[in-house]
Amino acid sequence: MTEFDFWKKISLLGGELYIVGGWVRDFVRKVKPKDKDYVVVGLTEAEFTESFPEVLKVGKKFPVFLLYVDNKQCEVAFARTEKKNGQGYRGFVAEVNNVSLLQDLARRDTTMNSIAYDLKTKALIDPYNGQADIKAKVIRAVSVRFCEDPIRALRAARQAAEFDFTITDDTLELMKQCKQELLLEPGERFVAELNKALKAQRPSKFFYALEQAELLDVCFSEIANLTNIKHFKGNSFTILLEKLDEIAKLNNNIEIRFAVIINELAQTEGSFDCAKGLLVLKRFNQQLRLPKRWLDIVEFLLLTKEKIKMLNSITDSDEIVDILLSLEKSFVSVQDLSDFLVVNNVTVPNFIENYKFIIEKLLDVKGSMAPVDLPKTEIAKWLRKEQIGKYEEIVLKKNTKVQPRETEK
């Protein structure tokens, strides 16, 4: 079904159809809009489902449906108002009967998210001057009801980073009022916003916004503690965010960006402490329930950095082979590891720079090449010895020397 057909059918039923949310905001921002969300006005749920039997209802507390429009699955909701009756983002009662578009837009969080596109007139409906705020690159709450949903504070901070916008002072004050209810939110909600914030060109703005709103301690207490640790450049919080933006310029992988955060939290009196980093990672996971991929990659990077720092040139062939083979099996690319090391002031060793050539040679040595009379229990040991020998042979022949590590700053 095309969008025109969808609108036409809704119109014939006596209803109205609008595009709302992020698609409209991005359309105004002149960036490629993402998935469309539609809002229906003037119809009952029964009328809608009878005319569109193919829809899949996913909303529990209020009608939200999935429907294919122009061969893309889109969300279709009914215009609604909300009345707070509890705590958190779930603590609302929705009303969908006889609700106008303007009433629906009034319940939304910020002005830039309270613009609708009229499919009939092809005009924007903008009762809260969201277009002007987008042009000015500011995030402004629609009303004082902003703080009724504490997740809106996280979202505003994330969008400040995502769009490189500034949050208005009035909105920051409303964000401050979300503090107590944020303590009750599940960790997954924080991770969802952190995940999006880490994709930004300047992810530091997410954490700066939370600090301005006095929410950093309830959202990410480990990071908030850094504001009290003095540094000759300011404080450890500032240093962390500078490094976070630095890695964002080099690497788009959010796990690598998150690893830089944990690396800074692993500092003890200016020196990297791997054990502390792993403990911080564990605490983060206990609080927020991090994705397993994040845990695996960050742990690998911390341990590998520690091994590289402890290397003693060519005499550590065994450790170097271990690093190379572990890298081959991990989710981390050579570029990921190199970027992580560079941002953290560790010189990338020559064996990492020549990884592709060396690992091919190491993997050429296979257990099937072991002497036929060798017991199966000894094959792994034989393979390891041969791979170490192969590495030392490469270093000797190709002069692939391990560069002395730079003292970490």
Protein backbone atom coordinates (compact mmCIF):
# COMPACT_ATOMS: atom_id res chain seq x y z
CA MET A 1 0.00 0.00 0.00
CA THR A 2 1.33 3.42 -0.93
CA GLU A 3 1.25 6.36 1.42
CA PHE A 4 -1.27 8.07 -0.85
CA ASP A 5 -3.55 5.04 -0.70
CA PHE A 6 -3.20 4.97 3.09
CA TRP A 7 -4.12 8.65 3.40
CA LYS A 8 -6.99 8.29 0.92
CA LYS A 9 -8.50 5.36 2.81
CA ILE A 10 -8.25 7.19 6.15
CA SER A 11 -9.86 10.26 4.59
CA LEU A 12 -12.77 8.28 3.15
CA LEU A 13 -13.41 6.91 6.63
CA GLY A 14 -13.67 10.48 7.92
CA GLY A 15 -10.29 10.56 9.63
CA GLU A 16 -7.07 12.56 9.30
CA LEU A 17 -3.54 11.27 8.83
CA TYR A 18 -0.29 13.01 9.74
CA ILE A 19 3.41 12.16 9.88
CA VAL A 20 4.94 13.00 13.26
CA GLY A 21 8.12 12.55 15.26
CA GLY A 22 11.68 12.11 14.08
CA TRP A 23 10.89 12.00 10.37
CA VAL A 24 9.39 15.49 10.46
CA ARG A 25 12.24 16.82 12.62
CA ASP A 26 14.85 15.46 10.21
CA PHE A 27 12.88 16.78 7.24
CA VAL A 28 13.06 20.27 8.76
CA ARG A 29 16.76 19.77 9.55
CA LYS A 30 17.31 18.94 5.87
CA VAL A 31 18.89 15.59 6.62
CA LYS A 32 17.69 12.28 5.24
CA PRO A 33 14.62 11.33 7.29
CA LYS A 34 14.40 7.86 8.80
CA ASP A 35 11.35 5.71 9.47
CA LYS A 36 7.97 7.39 9.37
CA ASP A 37 5.55 7.42 12.28
CA TYR A 38 1.92 8.22 11.56
CA VAL A 39 -0.81 9.53 13.81
CA VAL A 40 -4.49 9.01 13.08
CA VAL A 41 -7.12 11.53 14.18
CA GLY A 42 -10.89 11.15 14.15
CA LEU A 43 -11.27 7.36 13.99
CA THR A 44 -11.90 4.69 16.58
CA GLU A 45 -9.67 1.67 16.95
CA ALA A 46 -12.51 -0.56 15.73
CA GLU A 47 -12.99 1.52 12.58
CA PHE A 48 -9.27 1.44 11.86
CA THR A 49 -8.71 -2.29 12.38
CA GLU A 50 -11.83 -3.18 10.39
CA SER A 51 -10.51 -1.22 7.40
CA PHE A 52 -6.91 -2.40 7.85
CA PRO A 53 -7.16 -6.04 9.00
CA GLU A 54 -3.50 -6.63 8.12
CA VAL A 55 -2.20 -4.38 10.92
CA LEU A 56 -0.33 -5.81 13.88
CA LYS A 57 -1.16 -4.26 17.24
CA VAL A 58 1.90 -3.78 19.45
CA GLY A 59 0.77 -1.10 21.90
CA LYS A 60 -0.52 -2.42 25.22
CA LYS A 61 -1.55 0.71 27.10
CA PHE A 62 -2.72 2.61 24.00
CA PRO A 63 -3.31 1.70 20.34
CA VAL A 64 -0.08 1.44 18.31
CA PHE A 65 -0.01 -0.63 15.13
CA LEU A 66 2.57 -1.83 12.63
CA LEU A 67 1.57 -1.42 8.99
CA TYR A 68 3.47 -1.68 5.71
CA VAL A 69 3.41 1.60 3.81
CA ASP A 70 5.46 1.96 0.63
CA ASN A 71 6.94 -1.46 1.41
CA LYS A 72 8.29 -0.28 4.79
CA GLN A 73 6.96 -1.28 8.18
CA CYS A 74 5.78 1.87 9.96
CA GLU A 75 4.23 2.68 13.32
CA VAL A 76 0.68 4.01 13.31
CA ALA A 77 -0.70 5.48 16.54
CA PHE A 78 -3.88 7.26 17.51
CA ALA A 79 -3.73 10.84 18.72
CA ARG A 80 -3.73 10.72 22.50
CA THR A 81 -3.40 12.66 25.69
CA GLU A 82 -1.62 11.35 28.77
CA LYS A 83 -2.26 11.77 32.47
CA LYS A 84 0.43 10.88 34.97
CA ASN A 85 -0.72 8.34 37.55
CA GLY A 86 2.52 6.75 38.67
CA GLN A 87 6.29 6.91 38.42
CA GLY A 88 8.62 6.60 35.46
CA TYR A 89 7.89 6.47 31.77
CA ARG A 90 5.23 3.80 32.35
CA GLY A 91 3.30 5.84 34.90
CA PHE A 92 0.70 7.28 32.54
CA VAL A 93 -2.91 6.72 31.58
CA ALA A 94 -3.63 7.41 27.91
CA GLU A 95 -6.85 8.78 26.43
CA VAL A 96 -7.47 8.25 22.70
CA ASN A 97 -11.15 9.13 22.29
CA ASN A 98 -11.92 12.46 20.59
CA VAL A 99 -8.31 13.69 20.82
CA SER A 100 -7.20 16.36 18.35
CA LEU A 101 -3.82 16.64 16.66
CA LEU A 102 -2.95 19.73 18.70
CA GLN A 103 -3.71 17.88 21.92
CA ASP A 104 -1.42 15.07 20.79
CA LEU A 105 1.42 17.46 19.95
CA ALA A 106 1.03 19.17 23.33
CA ARG A 107 1.93 15.98 25.22
CA ARG A 108 5.28 15.59 23.45
CA ASP A 109 8.67 16.35 24.98
CA THR A 110 10.42 19.06 22.95
CA THR A 111 9.37 21.61 20.37
CA MET A 112 11.39 20.00 17.58
CA ASN A 113 9.51 16.74 18.18
CA SER A 114 6.12 18.46 18.23
CA ILE A 115 5.79 19.20 14.53
CA ALA A 116 3.38 17.32 12.26
CA TYR A 117 3.24 16.97 8.48
CA ASP A 118 -0.26 17.15 7.02
CA LEU A 119 -0.56 14.60 4.22
CA LYS A 120 -3.60 16.41 2.83
CA THR A 121 -2.20 19.94 2.57
CA LYS A 122 1.52 19.02 2.49
CA ALA A 123 2.02 21.67 5.18
CA LEU A 124 3.82 21.59 8.51
CA ILE A 125 1.77 22.09 11.66
CA ASP A 126 4.08 23.68 14.22
CA PRO A 127 2.23 25.08 17.25
CA TYR A 128 5.36 25.40 19.44
CA ASN A 129 7.78 26.99 16.94
CA GLY A 130 9.85 23.86 16.63
CA GLN A 131 11.16 24.93 13.23
CA ALA A 132 12.63 28.10 14.73
CA ASP A 133 14.28 26.10 17.50
CA ILE A 134 15.74 23.66 14.99
CA LYS A 135 17.15 26.58 13.00
CA ALA A 136 18.62 28.00 16.22
CA LYS A 137 19.93 24.54 17.15
CA VAL A 138 18.30 24.51 20.57
CA ILE A 139 16.35 21.89 22.52
CA ARG A 140 13.36 23.37 24.31
CA ALA A 141 10.67 21.62 26.36
CA VAL A 142 7.10 21.99 25.14
CA SER A 143 5.79 22.56 28.66
CA VAL A 144 6.46 21.95 32.34
CA ARG A 145 5.03 18.47 31.83
CA PHE A 146 8.37 17.55 30.28
CA CYS A 147 9.60 16.23 33.63
CA GLU A 148 6.67 13.84 34.06
CA ASP A 149 8.64 11.28 32.04
CA PRO A 150 12.22 11.11 33.42
CA ILE A 151 13.56 9.42 30.28
CA ARG A 152 12.93 12.67 28.45
CA ALA A 153 15.90 14.15 30.31
CA LEU A 154 18.17 11.41 28.98
CA ARG A 155 16.75 11.84 25.50
CA ALA A 156 17.33 15.59 25.53
CA ALA A 157 20.96 15.07 26.59
CA ARG A 158 21.43 12.45 23.91
CA GLN A 159 19.90 14.62 21.19
CA ALA A 160 22.15 17.50 22.24
CA ALA A 161 25.07 15.25 21.31
CA GLU A 162 23.38 13.65 18.33
CA PHE A 163 22.43 16.94 16.65
CA ASP A 164 25.06 19.20 18.26
CA PHE A 165 22.27 21.31 19.79
CA THR A 166 22.19 23.33 23.01
CA ILE A 167 19.61 22.73 25.72
CA THR A 168 17.81 25.86 26.92
CA ASP A 169 18.19 26.91 30.55
CA ASP A 170 14.47 26.39 31.24
CA THR A 171 14.68 22.86 29.89
CA LEU A 172 17.77 22.11 31.99
CA GLU A 173 15.80 23.15 35.06
CA LEU A 174 13.03 20.73 34.11
CA MET A 175 15.62 17.99 33.56
CA LYS A 176 16.85 18.53 37.13
CA GLN A 177 13.37 17.66 38.38
CA CYS A 178 13.69 14.19 36.82
CA LYS A 179 16.42 13.13 39.23
CA GLN A 180 14.45 11.09 41.76
CA GLU A 181 12.40 9.19 39.20
CA LEU A 182 15.49 8.37 37.14
CA LEU A 183 16.73 6.36 40.13
CA LEU A 184 13.80 4.00 39.53
CA GLU A 185 14.38 3.46 35.81
CA PRO A 186 15.80 0.12 34.57
CA GLY A 187 19.39 0.07 33.36
CA GLU A 188 18.34 -0.85 29.84
CA ARG A 189 16.85 2.62 29.38
CA PHE A 190 20.18 4.25 30.19
CA VAL A 191 22.09 1.89 27.89
CA ALA A 192 19.67 2.63 25.03
CA GLU A 193 20.35 6.36 25.24
CA LEU A 194 24.08 5.85 25.86
CA ASN A 195 24.24 3.64 22.78
CA LYS A 196 22.77 6.42 20.62
CA ALA A 197 24.87 9.13 22.26
CA LEU A 198 28.09 7.23 21.57
CA LYS A 199 27.28 7.31 17.85
CA ALA A 200 27.40 11.12 17.82
CA GLN A 201 30.27 13.10 16.35
CA ARG A 202 30.73 14.74 19.75
CA PRO A 203 29.49 12.22 22.33
CA SER A 204 30.94 14.39 25.11
CA LYS A 205 27.91 16.69 24.83
CA PHE A 206 25.71 13.92 26.24
CA PHE A 207 27.70 13.81 29.47
CA TYR A 208 28.16 17.58 29.69
CA ALA A 209 24.38 18.02 29.38
CA LEU A 210 23.75 15.49 32.15
CA GLU A 211 26.28 17.27 34.34
CA GLN A 212 24.60 20.63 33.68
CA ALA A 213 21.26 19.11 34.63
CA GLU A 214 22.79 17.61 37.80
CA LEU A 215 21.87 14.12 36.62
CA LEU A 216 25.29 12.63 35.92
CA ASP A 217 25.55 11.07 39.37
CA VAL A 218 22.23 9.20 39.09
CA CYS A 219 22.86 8.12 35.49
CA PHE A 220 26.57 7.25 35.48
CA SER A 221 27.97 7.56 38.99
CA GLU A 222 31.43 6.25 38.06
CA ILE A 223 31.85 9.05 35.53
CA ALA A 224 30.41 11.65 37.90
CA ASN A 225 33.12 10.80 40.44
CA LEU A 226 35.75 12.03 37.99
CA THR A 227 34.56 15.62 38.40
CA ASN A 228 36.17 15.59 41.86
CA ILE A 229 39.56 14.33 40.67
CA LYS A 230 41.84 17.23 39.83
CA HIS A 231 44.14 17.23 36.84
CA PHE A 232 46.66 19.77 35.60
CA LYS A 233 44.38 20.28 32.57
CA GLY A 234 41.27 20.69 34.73
CA ASN A 235 39.75 17.51 36.12
CA SER A 236 39.59 13.87 35.10
CA PHE A 237 36.02 14.31 33.83
CA THR A 238 37.22 16.88 31.29
CA ILE A 239 40.09 14.63 30.21
CA LEU A 240 37.73 11.69 29.70
CA LEU A 241 35.43 13.71 27.48
CA GLU A 242 38.32 15.11 25.45
CA LYS A 243 39.52 11.57 24.77
CA LEU A 244 35.98 10.43 23.99
CA ASP A 245 35.66 13.07 21.29
CA GLU A 246 39.15 12.21 20.06
CA ILE A 247 38.27 8.52 19.55
CA ALA A 248 34.99 9.60 17.92
CA LYS A 249 37.04 11.33 15.21
CA LEU A 250 39.04 8.15 14.58
CA ASN A 251 36.59 5.30 15.05
CA ASN A 252 32.84 4.83 14.55
CA ASN A 253 32.64 1.66 16.64
CA ILE A 254 30.60 2.46 19.77
CA GLU A 255 32.24 -0.37 21.71
CA ILE A 256 35.67 1.16 21.11
CA ARG A 257 34.34 4.55 22.23
CA PHE A 258 32.90 2.99 25.37
CA ALA A 259 36.23 1.27 26.01
CA VAL A 260 37.92 4.68 26.11
CA ILE A 261 35.51 5.69 28.88
CA ILE A 262 36.35 2.59 30.92
CA ASN A 263 40.07 3.13 30.28
CA GLU A 264 39.87 6.58 31.85
CA LEU A 265 37.95 5.17 34.80
CA ALA A 266 40.78 2.65 35.21
CA GLN A 267 43.33 5.33 36.11
CA THR A 268 44.94 5.33 39.53
CA GLU A 269 46.96 8.47 40.21
CA GLY A 270 47.44 8.96 36.47
CA SER A 271 48.50 5.38 35.70
CA PHE A 272 46.49 2.68 33.97
CA ASP A 273 45.28 -0.08 36.31
CA CYS A 274 43.87 -2.98 34.32
CA ALA A 275 42.39 -4.73 37.36
CA LYS A 276 40.59 -1.53 38.33
CA GLY A 277 39.26 -1.18 34.79
CA LEU A 278 37.82 -4.68 34.82
CA LEU A 279 36.21 -3.98 38.19
CA VAL A 280 34.67 -0.74 36.90
CA LEU A 281 33.35 -2.62 33.86
CA LYS A 282 31.77 -5.19 36.17
CA ARG A 283 30.10 -2.46 38.23
CA PHE A 284 28.81 -0.76 35.09
CA ASN A 285 27.30 -4.05 34.00
CA GLN A 286 25.69 -4.67 37.38
CA GLN A 287 24.04 -1.25 37.26
CA LEU A 288 23.08 -1.06 33.59
CA ARG A 289 23.16 -4.62 32.15
CA LEU A 290 25.50 -3.87 29.26
CA PRO A 291 25.35 -5.79 25.97
CA LYS A 292 27.63 -8.84 26.02
CA ARG A 293 29.48 -7.58 22.96
CA TRP A 294 30.42 -4.41 24.84
CA LEU A 295 31.72 -6.45 27.75
CA ASP A 296 33.75 -8.79 25.56
CA ILE A 297 35.35 -6.03 23.50
CA VAL A 298 36.18 -3.74 26.41
CA GLU A 299 37.67 -6.59 28.44
CA PHE A 300 39.77 -7.67 25.46
CA LEU A 301 41.07 -4.13 24.88
CA LEU A 302 41.97 -3.56 28.52
CA LEU A 303 43.80 -6.86 28.83
CA THR A 304 45.56 -6.44 25.49
CA LYS A 305 46.68 -2.94 26.36
CA GLU A 306 48.10 -4.25 29.64
CA LYS A 307 49.97 -7.03 27.82
CA ILE A 308 51.41 -4.60 25.26
CA LYS A 309 52.59 -2.23 27.99
CA MET A 310 54.34 -5.09 29.76
CA LEU A 311 56.16 -6.41 26.68
CA ASN A 312 59.95 -6.58 26.76
CA SER A 313 60.85 -6.35 23.07
CA ILE A 314 61.60 -9.59 21.19
CA THR A 315 62.04 -11.70 24.31
CA ASP A 316 58.27 -11.84 24.74
CA SER A 317 57.56 -13.89 21.61
CA ASP A 318 55.16 -16.14 23.54
CA GLU A 319 53.09 -13.16 24.74
CA ILE A 320 53.13 -11.53 21.31
CA VAL A 321 51.85 -14.68 19.62
CA ASP A 322 49.14 -14.88 22.26
CA ILE A 323 48.10 -11.28 21.51
CA LEU A 324 48.01 -11.89 17.77
CA LEU A 325 45.99 -15.10 18.00
CA SER A 326 43.59 -13.53 20.51
CA LEU A 327 43.08 -10.58 18.17
CA GLU A 328 42.31 -12.99 15.34
CA LYS A 329 39.52 -14.62 17.39
CA SER A 330 38.06 -11.40 18.83
CA PHE A 331 35.42 -8.95 17.58
CA VAL A 332 38.14 -6.28 17.45
CA SER A 333 39.83 -5.25 14.22
CA VAL A 334 43.46 -4.19 13.97
CA GLN A 335 42.27 -0.66 13.31
CA ASP A 336 40.05 -0.74 16.39
CA LEU A 337 42.95 -1.81 18.59
CA SER A 338 45.33 0.70 17.02
CA ASP A 339 42.88 3.58 17.49
CA PHE A 340 42.30 2.59 21.11
CA LEU A 341 46.02 2.48 21.82
CA VAL A 342 46.76 5.79 20.08
CA VAL A 343 44.06 7.70 21.96
CA ASN A 344 45.41 6.29 25.21
CA ASN A 345 49.00 7.35 24.41
CA VAL A 346 50.38 3.88 23.83
CA THR A 347 52.60 3.37 20.78
CA VAL A 348 51.19 0.78 18.38
CA PRO A 349 53.73 -2.07 18.29
CA ASN A 350 55.29 -3.07 15.00
CA PHE A 351 53.78 -6.56 15.23
CA ILE A 352 50.30 -4.99 15.27
CA GLU A 353 51.11 -2.76 12.30
CA ASN A 354 52.30 -5.89 10.44
CA TYR A 355 49.45 -8.01 11.80
CA LYS A 356 48.06 -9.22 8.48
CA PHE A 357 51.38 -10.58 7.24
CA ILE A 358 52.34 -12.17 10.56
CA ILE A 359 48.98 -13.78 11.36
CA GLU A 360 48.86 -15.42 7.93
CA LYS A 361 52.21 -17.05 8.65
CA LEU A 362 51.14 -18.14 12.13
CA LEU A 363 47.92 -19.68 10.83
CA ASP A 364 49.86 -21.56 8.17
CA VAL A 365 51.13 -23.71 11.04
CA LYS A 366 48.41 -26.31 11.70
CA GLY A 367 47.98 -29.12 14.14
CA SER A 368 47.69 -31.55 11.24
CA MET A 369 51.36 -30.87 10.52
CA ALA A 370 52.46 -32.36 13.84
CA PRO A 371 54.60 -35.54 13.77
CA VAL A 372 52.39 -38.60 13.28
CA ASP A 373 53.75 -40.30 16.36
CA LEU A 374 53.04 -37.31 18.60
CA PRO A 375 50.36 -38.02 21.26
CA LYS A 376 47.16 -36.04 20.73
CA THR A 377 47.56 -34.51 24.17
CA GLU A 378 50.84 -32.94 23.04
CA ILE A 379 49.63 -31.45 19.74
CA ALA A 380 48.49 -28.13 21.23
CA LYS A 381 51.85 -27.66 22.94
CA TRP A 382 53.68 -28.54 19.70
CA LEU A 383 51.51 -26.10 17.72
CA ARG A 384 52.21 -23.30 20.17
CA LYS A 385 55.96 -23.91 20.01
CA GLU A 386 55.95 -23.94 16.21
CA GLN A 387 53.94 -20.71 16.03
CA ILE A 388 56.35 -18.98 18.39
CA GLY A 389 59.22 -20.24 16.28
CA LYS A 390 57.52 -18.97 13.14
CA TYR A 391 57.09 -15.53 14.69
CA GLU A 392 60.74 -15.36 15.72
CA GLU A 393 61.73 -16.46 12.23
CA ILE A 394 59.65 -13.64 10.71
CA VAL A 395 61.23 -11.09 13.04
CA LEU A 396 64.69 -12.32 12.21
CA LYS A 397 64.16 -12.41 8.42
CA LYS A 398 61.98 -9.35 7.96
CA ASN A 399 63.49 -7.30 10.77
CA THR A 400 59.99 -6.87 12.21
CA LYS A 401 61.14 -5.44 15.50
CA VAL A 402 58.86 -4.65 18.38
CA GLN A 403 58.96 -0.92 18.94
CA PRO A 404 59.66 0.25 22.49
CA ARG A 405 56.44 1.36 24.12
CA GLU A 406 55.82 5.01 24.87
CA THR A 407 55.29 5.92 28.49
CA GLU A 408 51.59 6.38 29.10
CA LYS A 409 50.59 9.88 30.01
